[in-house]
């Protein structure tokens, strides 16, 4: 297997999606804390971006 093919398989895993979602949430929380610490107005409620998930029979473990 070459690098690109193996990396693509890694990115297509369900565990990678869960980790990416957690990482995005942590970055957003840290940014919001900095925003508030800088004296900016609190953020209004907005939906958080979510990844589109495939049907369970298409996911790989």
Protein backbone atom coordinates (compact mmCIF):
# COMPACT_ATOMS: atom_id res chain seq x y z
CA UNK A 1 0.00 0.00 0.00
CA UNK A 2 1.20 3.45 -0.69
CA UNK A 3 1.02 6.36 1.75
CA UNK A 4 -1.92 8.20 0.11
CA UNK A 5 -4.12 5.11 -0.03
CA UNK A 6 -3.39 4.23 3.60
CA UNK A 7 -3.98 7.81 4.74
CA UNK A 8 -7.30 7.93 2.89
CA UNK A 9 -8.41 4.74 4.63
CA UNK A 10 -7.43 6.28 7.98
CA UNK A 11 -9.52 9.40 7.26
CA UNK A 12 -12.55 7.30 6.29
CA UNK A 13 -12.76 5.66 9.73
CA UNK A 14 -15.53 6.40 12.21
CA UNK A 15 -12.97 6.96 15.00
CA UNK A 16 -11.30 9.73 12.97
CA UNK A 17 -14.64 11.54 12.54
CA UNK A 18 -15.31 11.38 16.29
CA UNK A 19 -11.82 12.70 17.06
CA UNK A 20 -12.16 15.50 14.51
CA UNK A 21 -15.50 16.55 16.03
CA UNK A 22 -13.98 16.63 19.52
CA UNK A 23 -11.00 18.65 18.29
CA UNK A 24 -13.26 21.17 16.56
CA UNK A 25 -15.32 21.56 19.75
CA UNK A 26 -12.20 22.17 21.85
CA UNK A 27 -10.91 24.81 19.42
CA UNK A 28 -14.29 26.57 19.40
CA UNK A 29 -14.48 26.55 23.22
CA UNK A 30 -10.94 27.96 23.48
CA UNK A 31 -11.70 30.66 20.91
CA UNK A 32 -14.89 31.61 22.73
CA UNK A 33 -13.01 31.88 26.03
CA UNK A 34 -10.47 34.18 24.39
CA UNK A 35 -13.24 36.21 22.79
CA UNK A 36 -14.93 36.76 26.14
CA UNK A 37 -11.61 37.45 27.91
CA UNK A 38 -10.91 40.19 25.36
CA UNK A 39 -14.10 41.91 26.48
CA UNK A 40 -16.19 41.13 23.43
CA UNK A 41 -19.94 40.61 23.70
CA UNK A 42 -21.09 37.05 24.42
CA UNK A 43 -21.92 35.08 21.31
CA UNK A 44 -25.53 34.63 20.32
CA UNK A 45 -26.72 31.06 20.06
CA UNK A 46 -25.74 29.59 16.71
CA UNK A 47 -25.75 26.03 15.46
CA UNK A 48 -22.40 24.28 15.57
CA UNK A 49 -21.20 22.77 12.31
CA UNK A 50 -21.63 19.02 12.28
CA UNK A 51 -20.13 16.49 9.93
CA UNK A 52 -22.54 14.53 7.79
CA UNK A 53 -22.40 10.92 8.85
CA UNK A 54 -22.74 8.00 6.51
CA UNK A 55 -25.25 5.23 7.07
CA UNK A 56 -23.94 2.64 9.52
CA UNK A 57 -23.52 -0.04 6.83
CA UNK A 58 -21.13 2.27 4.92
CA UNK A 59 -18.88 3.01 7.93
CA UNK A 60 -15.70 1.17 8.65
CA UNK A 61 -14.42 0.40 12.11
